[in-house]
C-alpha atoms as a PDB file:
ATOM      1  CA  MET A   1      76.404 -46.131 -82.673  1.00  0.00           C
ATOM      2  CA  SER A   2      74.970 -44.836 -85.898  1.00  0.00           C
ATOM      3  CA  ASP A   3      73.343 -41.274 -86.874  1.00  0.00           C
ATOM      4  CA  ASN A   4      72.102 -40.216 -90.287  1.00  0.00           C
ATOM      5  CA  ASN A   5      75.898 -38.706 -90.795  1.00  0.00           C
ATOM      6  CA  ILE A   6      77.789 -40.282 -88.013  1.00  0.00           C
ATOM      7  CA  VAL A   7      78.912 -43.994 -87.535  1.00  0.00           C
ATOM      8  CA  THR A   8      80.440 -44.584 -84.305  1.00  0.00           C
ATOM      9  CA  THR A   9      82.718 -47.611 -83.153  1.00  0.00           C
ATOM     10  CA  ILE A  10      84.282 -47.985 -79.624  1.00  0.00           C
ATOM     11  CA  ALA A  11      87.048 -50.677 -78.904  1.00  0.00           C
ATOM     12  CA  ASN A  12      89.982 -50.951 -76.181  1.00  0.00           C
ATOM     13  CA  HIS A  13      89.202 -47.412 -74.862  1.00  0.00           C
ATOM     14  CA  VAL A  14      89.213 -45.774 -78.495  1.00  0.00           C
ATOM     15  CA  ALA A  15      86.109 -44.270 -79.977  1.00  0.00           C
ATOM     16  CA  GLN A  16      86.242 -44.069 -84.096  1.00  0.00           C
ATOM     17  CA  ILE A  17      83.933 -41.251 -85.301  1.00  0.00           C
ATOM     18  CA  THR A  18      83.412 -41.494 -89.100  1.00  0.00           C
ATOM     19  CA  ILE A  19      81.634 -38.667 -90.907  1.00  0.00           C
ATOM     20  CA  ASN A  20      79.698 -40.455 -93.241  1.00  0.00           C
ATOM     21  CA  ARG A  21      78.069 -38.082 -95.988  1.00  0.00           C
ATOM     22  CA  PRO A  22      80.626 -39.357 -99.037  1.00  0.00           C
ATOM     23  CA  GLN A  23      78.198 -38.390-101.574  1.00  0.00           C
ATOM     24  CA  ALA A  24      78.993 -34.689-100.255  1.00  0.00           C
ATOM     25  CA  MET A  25      82.418 -35.327 -99.652  1.00  0.00           C
ATOM     26  CA  ASN A  26      81.442 -35.260 -96.130  1.00  0.00           C
ATOM     27  CA  ALA A  27      81.253 -31.777 -95.764  1.00  0.00           C
ATOM     28  CA  LEU A  28      79.799 -30.354 -92.728  1.00  0.00           C
ATOM     29  CA  ASN A  29      76.194 -29.142 -92.581  1.00  0.00           C
ATOM     30  CA  PRO A  30      74.419 -27.744 -89.712  1.00  0.00           C
ATOM     31  CA  ALA A  31      72.883 -31.436 -89.368  1.00  0.00           C
ATOM     32  CA  THR A  32      76.286 -33.058 -89.345  1.00  0.00           C
ATOM     33  CA  ILE A  33      77.607 -30.517 -87.133  1.00  0.00           C
ATOM     34  CA  ILE A  34      74.843 -31.086 -84.568  1.00  0.00           C
ATOM     35  CA  GLU A  35      75.288 -34.916 -84.573  1.00  0.00           C
ATOM     36  CA  LEU A  36      78.873 -34.549 -84.175  1.00  0.00           C
ATOM     37  CA  SER A  37      78.979 -32.469 -81.137  1.00  0.00           C
ATOM     38  CA  THR A  38      76.172 -34.609 -79.516  1.00  0.00           C
ATOM     39  CA  THR A  39      78.124 -37.780 -80.498  1.00  0.00           C
ATOM     40  CA  ILE A  40      81.205 -36.398 -78.620  1.00  0.00           C
ATOM     41  CA  ALA A  41      79.422 -35.187 -75.591  1.00  0.00           C
ATOM     42  CA  LYS A  42      77.955 -38.887 -75.054  1.00  0.00           C
ATOM     43  CA  LEU A  43      81.323 -40.314 -75.678  1.00  0.00           C
ATOM     44  CA  GLU A  44      82.891 -37.973 -73.051  1.00  0.00           C
ATOM     45  CA  GLN A  45      80.509 -39.285 -70.492  1.00  0.00           C
ATOM     46  CA  GLN A  46      81.612 -43.146 -71.035  1.00  0.00           C
ATOM     47  CA  ASP A  47      84.588 -44.126 -68.667  1.00  0.00           C
ATOM     48  CA  ASP A  48      85.624 -46.667 -71.136  1.00  0.00           C
ATOM     49  CA  VAL A  49      86.750 -44.054 -73.966  1.00  0.00           C
ATOM     50  CA  HIS A  50      90.082 -42.460 -73.612  1.00  0.00           C
ATOM     51  CA  VAL A  51      90.886 -41.416 -77.144  1.00  0.00           C
ATOM     52  CA  ILE A  52      88.524 -40.481 -79.995  1.00  0.00           C
ATOM     53  CA  ILE A  53      89.779 -40.498 -83.785  1.00  0.00           C
ATOM     54  CA  ILE A  54      87.795 -38.508 -86.146  1.00  0.00           C
ATOM     55  CA  THR A  55      88.014 -39.603 -89.938  1.00  0.00           C
ATOM     56  CA  GLY A  56      85.484 -39.372 -93.039  1.00  0.00           C
ATOM     57  CA  ALA A  57      84.122 -41.983 -94.877  1.00  0.00           C
ATOM     58  CA  GLY A  58      85.696 -43.200 -98.411  1.00  0.00           C
ATOM     59  CA  LYS A  59      89.112 -42.199 -99.539  1.00  0.00           C
ATOM     60  CA  LYS A  60      88.304 -38.644-101.169  1.00  0.00           C
ATOM     61  CA  ALA A  61      87.735 -36.869 -98.399  1.00  0.00           C
ATOM     62  CA  PHE A  62      88.078 -36.316 -94.473  1.00  0.00           C
ATOM     63  CA  VAL A  63      85.998 -33.308 -94.560  1.00  0.00           C
ATOM     64  CA  ALA A  64      85.913 -31.196 -98.111  1.00  0.00           C
ATOM     65  CA  GLY A  65      84.513 -28.450 -95.970  1.00  0.00           C
ATOM     66  CA  GLY A  66      81.439 -26.347 -95.131  1.00  0.00           C
ATOM     67  CA  ASP A  67      78.492 -27.418 -97.391  1.00  0.00           C
ATOM     68  CA  VAL A  68      78.685 -24.737 -99.883  1.00  0.00           C
ATOM     69  CA  ALA A  69      75.215 -25.247-101.523  1.00  0.00           C
ATOM     70  CA  LEU A  70      73.491 -24.517 -98.287  1.00  0.00           C
ATOM     71  CA  MET A  71      75.679 -21.606 -97.457  1.00  0.00           C
ATOM     72  CA  ARG A  72      75.254 -19.910-100.534  1.00  0.00           C
ATOM     73  CA  SER A  73      71.819 -18.280 -99.643  1.00  0.00           C
ATOM     74  CA  LEU A  74      72.564 -17.764 -96.191  1.00  0.00           C
ATOM     75  CA  THR A  75      72.103 -14.231 -94.521  1.00  0.00           C
ATOM     76  CA  PRO A  76      74.751 -12.547 -92.689  1.00  0.00           C
ATOM     77  CA  LEU A  77      73.035 -13.454 -89.303  1.00  0.00           C
ATOM     78  CA  GLN A  78      72.382 -16.999 -90.279  1.00  0.00           C
ATOM     79  CA  ALA A  79      76.245 -17.200 -91.764  1.00  0.00           C
ATOM     80  CA  ARG A  80      77.352 -16.068 -88.319  1.00  0.00           C
ATOM     81  CA  ASP A  81      75.303 -18.437 -86.584  1.00  0.00           C
ATOM     82  CA  VAL A  82      76.440 -21.383 -88.443  1.00  0.00           C
ATOM     83  CA  ALA A  83      80.023 -20.127 -87.575  1.00  0.00           C
ATOM     84  CA  LEU A  84      79.108 -19.991 -83.917  1.00  0.00           C
ATOM     85  CA  MET A  85      77.587 -23.596 -84.106  1.00  0.00           C
ATOM     86  CA  ALA A  86      80.896 -24.819 -85.602  1.00  0.00           C
ATOM     87  CA  GLY A  87      82.895 -22.845 -83.262  1.00  0.00           C
ATOM     88  CA  GLU A  88      81.001 -24.464 -80.129  1.00  0.00           C
ATOM     89  CA  LEU A  89      81.616 -27.995 -81.487  1.00  0.00           C
ATOM     90  CA  PHE A  90      85.399 -27.219 -82.191  1.00  0.00           C
ATOM     91  CA  GLU A  91      85.663 -25.744 -78.896  1.00  0.00           C
ATOM     92  CA  ARG A  92      84.080 -29.121 -77.593  1.00  0.00           C
ATOM     93  CA  ILE A  93      86.831 -31.329 -79.266  1.00  0.00           C
ATOM     94  CA  GLU A  94      89.605 -28.780 -77.971  1.00  0.00           C
ATOM     95  CA  LYS A  95      88.340 -28.864 -74.389  1.00  0.00           C
ATOM     96  CA  SER A  96      87.369 -32.473 -74.302  1.00  0.00           C
ATOM     97  CA  ALA A  97      88.547 -34.688 -71.421  1.00  0.00           C
ATOM     98  CA  CYS A  98      89.270 -37.058 -74.269  1.00  0.00           C
ATOM     99  CA  VAL A  99      92.413 -36.958 -76.529  1.00  0.00           C
ATOM    100  CA  VAL A 100      91.092 -36.296 -79.890  1.00  0.00           C
ATOM    101  CA  ILE A 101      93.073 -37.152 -83.174  1.00  0.00           C
ATOM    102  CA  ALA A 102      92.244 -36.110 -86.576  1.00  0.00           C
ATOM    103  CA  ALA A 103      92.730 -39.367 -89.262  1.00  0.00           C
ATOM    104  CA  ILE A 104      92.761 -37.263 -92.546  1.00  0.00           C
ATOM    105  CA  ASN A 105      92.036 -39.755 -95.325  1.00  0.00           C
ATOM    106  CA  GLY A 106      91.583 -37.173 -98.136  1.00  0.00           C
ATOM    107  CA  TYR A 107      90.501 -33.597 -98.673  1.00  0.00           C
ATOM    108  CA  ALA A 108      90.836 -31.545 -95.602  1.00  0.00           C
ATOM    109  CA  LEU A 109      89.554 -28.089 -97.172  1.00  0.00           C
ATOM    110  CA  GLY A 110      87.835 -24.929 -95.292  1.00  0.00           C
ATOM    111  CA  GLY A 111      85.544 -26.522 -92.385  1.00  0.00           C
ATOM    112  CA  GLY A 112      87.357 -29.723 -92.661  1.00  0.00           C
ATOM    113  CA  CYS A 113      90.737 -28.188 -92.125  1.00  0.00           C
ATOM    114  CA  GLU A 114      89.363 -25.890 -89.035  1.00  0.00           C
ATOM    115  CA  LEU A 115      87.863 -29.274 -87.602  1.00  0.00           C
ATOM    116  CA  ALA A 116      91.396 -31.055 -87.632  1.00  0.00           C
ATOM    117  CA  LEU A 117      93.029 -27.719 -86.387  1.00  0.00           C
ATOM    118  CA  ALA A 118      90.690 -28.356 -83.172  1.00  0.00           C
ATOM    119  CA  CYS A 119      91.790 -31.906 -82.533  1.00  0.00           C
ATOM    120  CA  ASP A 120      94.968 -32.617 -80.473  1.00  0.00           C
ATOM    121  CA  LEU A 121      96.762 -34.490 -82.866  1.00  0.00           C
ATOM    122  CA  ARG A 122      96.567 -35.097 -86.630  1.00  0.00           C
ATOM    123  CA  VAL A 123      97.820 -37.988 -88.779  1.00  0.00           C
ATOM    124  CA  ALA A 124      97.233 -37.601 -92.731  1.00  0.00           C
ATOM    125  CA  ALA A 125      97.402 -40.223 -95.746  1.00  0.00           C
ATOM    126  CA  GLU A 126     100.273 -39.764 -98.161  1.00  0.00           C
ATOM    127  CA  GLU A 127      97.641 -38.282-100.501  1.00  0.00           C
ATOM    128  CA  ALA A 128      95.656 -35.731 -98.542  1.00  0.00           C
ATOM    129  CA  GLN A 129      95.338 -32.278 -99.390  1.00  0.00           C
ATOM    130  CA  LEU A 130      94.647 -29.598 -96.801  1.00  0.00           C
ATOM    131  CA  GLY A 131      94.082 -25.867 -97.119  1.00  0.00           C
ATOM    132  CA  GLN A 132      91.979 -22.654 -96.061  1.00  0.00           C
ATOM    133  CA  PRO A 133      90.514 -22.055 -99.767  1.00  0.00           C
ATOM    134  CA  GLU A 134      87.648 -19.546 -98.355  1.00  0.00           C
ATOM    135  CA  ILE A 135      89.144 -16.561-100.120  1.00  0.00           C
ATOM    136  CA  ASN A 136      88.102 -18.395-103.326  1.00  0.00           C
ATOM    137  CA  LEU A 137      84.622 -17.969-102.139  1.00  0.00           C
ATOM    138  CA  GLY A 138      84.961 -14.442-101.299  1.00  0.00           C
ATOM    139  CA  ILE A 139      84.857 -15.261 -97.620  1.00  0.00           C
ATOM    140  CA  ILE A 140      87.127 -15.790 -94.701  1.00  0.00           C
ATOM    141  CA  PRO A 141      87.961 -18.907 -92.641  1.00  0.00           C
ATOM    142  CA  GLY A 142      85.297 -18.252 -90.125  1.00  0.00           C
ATOM    143  CA  TRP A 143      85.041 -21.747 -88.204  1.00  0.00           C
ATOM    144  CA  GLY A 144      88.433 -20.757 -86.068  1.00  0.00           C
ATOM    145  CA  GLY A 145      90.962 -20.994 -89.069  1.00  0.00           C
ATOM    146  CA  THR A 146      92.184 -17.479 -88.442  1.00  0.00           C
ATOM    147  CA  GLN A 147      92.872 -18.016 -85.055  1.00  0.00           C
ATOM    148  CA  ARG A 148      94.337 -21.623 -84.626  1.00  0.00           C
ATOM    149  CA  LEU A 149      96.146 -21.894 -87.807  1.00  0.00           C
ATOM    150  CA  PRO A 150      98.741 -18.904 -86.827  1.00  0.00           C
ATOM    151  CA  ARG A 151      99.249 -20.491 -83.347  1.00  0.00           C
ATOM    152  CA  LEU A 152     100.023 -23.535 -84.916  1.00  0.00           C
ATOM    153  CA  ILE A 153     102.198 -22.932 -87.761  1.00  0.00           C
ATOM    154  CA  GLY A 154     103.140 -19.285 -87.401  1.00  0.00           C
ATOM    155  CA  ILE A 155     101.598 -16.098 -88.664  1.00  0.00           C
ATOM    156  CA  SER A 156     103.112 -15.498 -91.991  1.00  0.00           C
ATOM    157  CA  ARG A 157     102.885 -18.971 -93.086  1.00  0.00           C
ATOM    158  CA  ALA A 158      99.268 -19.240 -91.885  1.00  0.00           C
ATOM    159  CA  LYS A 159      98.367 -15.764 -93.469  1.00  0.00           C
ATOM    160  CA  GLU A 160      99.978 -17.086 -96.960  1.00  0.00           C
ATOM    161  CA  LEU A 161      97.769 -19.973 -97.183  1.00  0.00           C
ATOM    162  CA  MET A 162      94.621 -18.001 -96.283  1.00  0.00           C
ATOM    163  CA  PHE A 163      95.421 -15.129 -98.613  1.00  0.00           C
ATOM    164  CA  THR A 164      96.467 -17.472-101.294  1.00  0.00           C
ATOM    165  CA  GLY A 165      93.491 -20.532-100.890  1.00  0.00           C
ATOM    166  CA  GLU A 166      96.378 -22.621-101.811  1.00  0.00           C
ATOM    167  CA  ARG A 167      95.639 -26.502-101.329  1.00  0.00           C
ATOM    168  CA  ILE A 168      99.198 -28.206 -99.852  1.00  0.00           C
ATOM    169  CA  SER A 169      99.777 -31.805-100.082  1.00  0.00           C
ATOM    170  CA  ALA A 170     100.476 -34.020 -96.678  1.00  0.00           C
ATOM    171  CA  LYS A 171     103.993 -33.893 -97.035  1.00  0.00           C
ATOM    172  CA  HIS A 172     103.976 -29.813 -97.080  1.00  0.00           C
ATOM    173  CA  ALA A 173     101.595 -29.856 -94.256  1.00  0.00           C
ATOM    174  CA  LEU A 174     104.039 -32.222 -92.407  1.00  0.00           C
ATOM    175  CA  LYS A 175     106.635 -29.603 -93.052  1.00  0.00           C
ATOM    176  CA  LEU A 176     105.068 -26.875 -91.688  1.00  0.00           C
ATOM    177  CA  GLY A 177     103.794 -28.567 -88.665  1.00  0.00           C
ATOM    178  CA  LEU A 178     100.098 -28.551 -89.764  1.00  0.00           C
ATOM    179  CA  VAL A 179     100.341 -32.477 -89.237  1.00  0.00           C
ATOM    180  CA  ASP A 180     102.152 -34.526 -87.043  1.00  0.00           C
ATOM    181  CA  HIS A 181     102.761 -37.942 -89.095  1.00  0.00           C
ATOM    182  CA  ILE A 182     101.800 -39.153 -92.619  1.00  0.00           C
ATOM    183  CA  TYR A 183     101.089 -42.715 -93.622  1.00  0.00           C
ATOM    184  CA  PRO A 184     100.226 -44.473 -96.870  1.00  0.00           C
ATOM    185  CA  GLU A 185      96.411 -44.383 -97.422  1.00  0.00           C
ATOM    186  CA  ASP A 186      95.908 -48.051 -96.471  1.00  0.00           C
ATOM    187  CA  GLN A 187      97.675 -47.655 -93.278  1.00  0.00           C
ATOM    188  CA  LEU A 188      96.274 -44.316 -92.080  1.00  0.00           C
ATOM    189  CA  LEU A 189      93.571 -45.712 -89.778  1.00  0.00           C
ATOM    190  CA  ASP A 190      95.748 -48.669 -88.368  1.00  0.00           C
ATOM    191  CA  GLN A 191      98.580 -45.930 -87.360  1.00  0.00           C
ATOM    192  CA  ALA A 192      96.056 -43.388 -86.128  1.00  0.00           C
ATOM    193  CA  HIS A 193      94.663 -46.393 -83.899  1.00  0.00           C
ATOM    194  CA  LYS A 194      98.057 -47.527 -82.675  1.00  0.00           C
ATOM    195  CA  LEU A 195      99.022 -43.920 -81.546  1.00  0.00           C
ATOM    196  CA  ALA A 196      95.413 -43.850 -79.773  1.00  0.00           C
ATOM    197  CA  GLN A 197      96.263 -47.061 -78.027  1.00  0.00           C
ATOM    198  CA  THR A 198      99.389 -45.799 -76.769  1.00  0.00           C
ATOM    199  CA  ILE A 199      97.761 -42.589 -75.292  1.00  0.00           C
ATOM    200  CA  ALA A 200      94.923 -44.752 -74.190  1.00  0.00           C
ATOM    201  CA  VAL A 201      96.942 -46.774 -71.546  1.00  0.00           C
ATOM    202  CA  LYS A 202      98.255 -43.775 -69.929  1.00  0.00           C
ATOM    203  CA  PRO A 203      97.128 -42.367 -66.551  1.00  0.00           C
ATOM    204  CA  GLN A 204      94.015 -40.290 -68.028  1.00  0.00           C
ATOM    205  CA  THR A 205      94.104 -37.726 -65.197  1.00  0.00           C
ATOM    206  CA  ALA A 206      97.516 -36.590 -65.883  1.00  0.00           C
ATOM    207  CA  ILE A 207      96.699 -36.687 -69.846  1.00  0.00           C
ATOM    208  CA  GLN A 208      93.697 -34.077 -69.052  1.00  0.00           C
ATOM    209  CA  ILE A 209      95.911 -32.263 -66.802  1.00  0.00           C
ATOM    210  CA  ILE A 210      98.700 -31.976 -69.831  1.00  0.00           C
ATOM    211  CA  LYS A 211      95.933 -31.060 -72.394  1.00  0.00           C
ATOM    212  CA  GLU A 212      94.227 -28.027 -69.811  1.00  0.00           C
ATOM    213  CA  ALA A 213      97.918 -26.718 -69.005  1.00  0.00           C
ATOM    214  CA  VAL A 214      98.848 -26.391 -72.694  1.00  0.00           C
ATOM    215  CA  ASN A 215      95.594 -25.074 -74.196  1.00  0.00           C
ATOM    216  CA  ASN A 216      95.137 -22.404 -71.168  1.00  0.00           C
ATOM    217  CA  GLY A 217      98.959 -21.801 -70.834  1.00  0.00           C
ATOM    218  CA  LEU A 218      98.995 -20.634 -74.560  1.00  0.00           C
ATOM    219  CA  GLU A 219      96.452 -17.758 -73.677  1.00  0.00           C
ATOM    220  CA  MET A 220      98.836 -16.362 -70.952  1.00  0.00           C
ATOM    221  CA  ASP A 221     102.086 -14.513 -70.648  1.00  0.00           C
ATOM    222  CA  GLN A 222     104.909 -16.955 -69.969  1.00  0.00           C
ATOM    223  CA  ASP A 223     105.624 -15.910 -66.258  1.00  0.00           C
ATOM    224  CA  LYS A 224     102.007 -16.477 -65.390  1.00  0.00           C
ATOM    225  CA  ALA A 225     101.750 -19.765 -67.540  1.00  0.00           C
ATOM    226  CA  ILE A 226     104.520 -21.199 -65.688  1.00  0.00           C
ATOM    227  CA  ARG A 227     102.940 -20.366 -62.263  1.00  0.00           C
ATOM    228  CA  TYR A 228     100.011 -21.920 -63.659  1.00  0.00           C
ATOM    229  CA  GLU A 229     101.726 -25.038 -64.583  1.00  0.00           C
ATOM    230  CA  ALA A 230     103.459 -25.382 -61.388  1.00  0.00           C
ATOM    231  CA  ALA A 231     100.017 -25.206 -60.066  1.00  0.00           C
ATOM    232  CA  MET A 232      98.802 -28.089 -62.246  1.00  0.00           C
ATOM    233  CA  PHE A 233     101.853 -30.168 -61.452  1.00  0.00           C
ATOM    234  CA  GLY A 234     101.210 -29.748 -57.705  1.00  0.00           C
ATOM    235  CA  MET A 235      97.427 -30.986 -58.456  1.00  0.00           C
ATOM    236  CA  CYS A 236      98.710 -34.145 -59.725  1.00  0.00           C
ATOM    237  CA  PHE A 237     100.067 -35.335 -56.307  1.00  0.00           C
ATOM    238  CA  THR A 238      96.536 -35.584 -55.109  1.00  0.00           C
ATOM    239  CA  THR A 239      96.133 -38.364 -57.294  1.00  0.00           C
ATOM    240  CA  GLU A 240      96.533 -42.264 -56.757  1.00  0.00           C
ATOM    241  CA  ASP A 241      98.094 -42.577 -59.759  1.00  0.00           C
ATOM    242  CA  GLN A 242     100.898 -40.226 -58.929  1.00  0.00           C
ATOM    243  CA  LYS A 243     101.707 -42.249 -56.135  1.00  0.00           C
ATOM    244  CA  GLU A 244     101.379 -45.612 -58.050  1.00  0.00           C
ATOM    245  CA  GLY A 245     103.437 -44.157 -60.661  1.00  0.00           C
ATOM    246  CA  MET A 246     106.309 -43.239 -58.560  1.00  0.00           C
ATOM    247  CA  ASP A 247     106.265 -46.448 -56.471  1.00  0.00           C
ATOM    248  CA  ALA A 248     106.176 -48.438 -59.480  1.00  0.00           C
ATOM    249  CA  PHE A 249     109.122 -46.951 -60.714  1.00  0.00           C
ATOM    250  CA  LEU A 250     111.186 -47.165 -57.522  1.00  0.00           C
ATOM    251  CA  GLU A 251     109.831 -51.061 -57.427  1.00  0.00           C
ATOM    252  CA  LYS A 252     110.928 -51.590 -61.127  1.00  0.00           C
ATOM    253  CA  ARG A 253     107.427 -52.805 -61.995  1.00  0.00           C
ATOM    254  CA  SER A 254     104.646 -51.640 -64.523  1.00  0.00           C
ATOM    255  CA  ALA A 255     102.333 -49.391 -63.067  1.00  0.00           C
ATOM    256  CA  VAL A 256      98.777 -50.358 -62.704  1.00  0.00           C
ATOM    257  CA  TRP A 257      96.767 -46.939 -63.400  1.00  0.00           C
ATOM    258  CA  LYS A 258      93.303 -46.218 -61.736  1.00  0.00           C
ATOM    259  CA  ASN A 259      92.847 -43.011 -63.267  1.00  0.00           C
ATOM    260  CA  SER A 260      91.862 -41.409 -60.158  1.00  0.00           C
ATOM    261  CA  GLU A 261      90.032 -38.149 -59.971  1.00  0.00           C
ATOM    262  CA  LEU A 262      91.680 -35.095 -58.543  1.00  0.00           C
ATOM    263  CA  VAL A 263      91.204 -33.957 -55.066  1.00  0.00           C
ATOM    264  CA  PRO A 264      90.080 -30.028 -54.719  1.00  0.00           C
ATOM    265  CA  MET A 265      93.347 -28.458 -53.364  1.00  0.00           C
ATOM    266  CA  VAL A 266      93.655 -24.944 -51.827  1.00  0.00           C
ATOM    267  CA  LEU A 267      96.388 -22.875 -53.799  1.00  0.00           C
ATOM    268  CA  ASP A 268      97.903 -19.790 -52.478  1.00  0.00           C
ATOM    269  CA  LYS A 269      96.340 -17.059 -55.097  1.00  0.00           C
ATOM    270  CA  GLU A 270      99.270 -14.981 -54.620  1.00  0.00           C
ATOM    271  CA  LYS A 271     101.698 -17.431 -56.271  1.00  0.00           C
ATOM    272  CA  THR A 272      99.208 -18.505 -58.786  1.00  0.00           C
END
């Protein structure tokens, strides 16, 4: 599949989305945001897609940020609307039934870093640089950075990156927990696909439940989150895959996953 700014390939239950604006360092403008959102929505409807990898065209940039040339002349209301548009895209990624991996092949700055933050996992080339340099433009990270970054790396470290606008190396990002793995640039996509394949062959209903439990549980106090987790754990026992997985374990054989859907279950509201 191909749009003006997006190129998509699918193989072995893994879709790779390449943001294809190398002439603009793959910066996100409204058209690209819309294309990316539409592409992800289409992929979510395909039963053969379990994992999505997002990367950038070329070797210089994953996504260098928002399109500053376009944003320069926005009114306050227009700037808010663009931020809300990007926010909806990133929320779609965060809540997607697919696991989404950012393969950061170069600069991931501003909106590019915020795009990576919305993904489930982040792998980076050794030469990559990440950061939230919006302060140098007289603005703040407005596409989720002030919210997701502190949740991922801690409040003080996130504030320092946003206060200073510093670009950090992939190695530093790994130390902070901003990325999960770093690789030589020529191995990045191969390693991203290797990770994607490992996840793609797992029972996808359980993968989706894990993602939902983590995302929703982080917004709850711990006692409520533990009860919520227990309810989600119980939901797993409505699936054929739970039975197959446990039978295969006891029979000492490989499981054959059906990626079966959840069966609605009546929960005790007082306990959940």
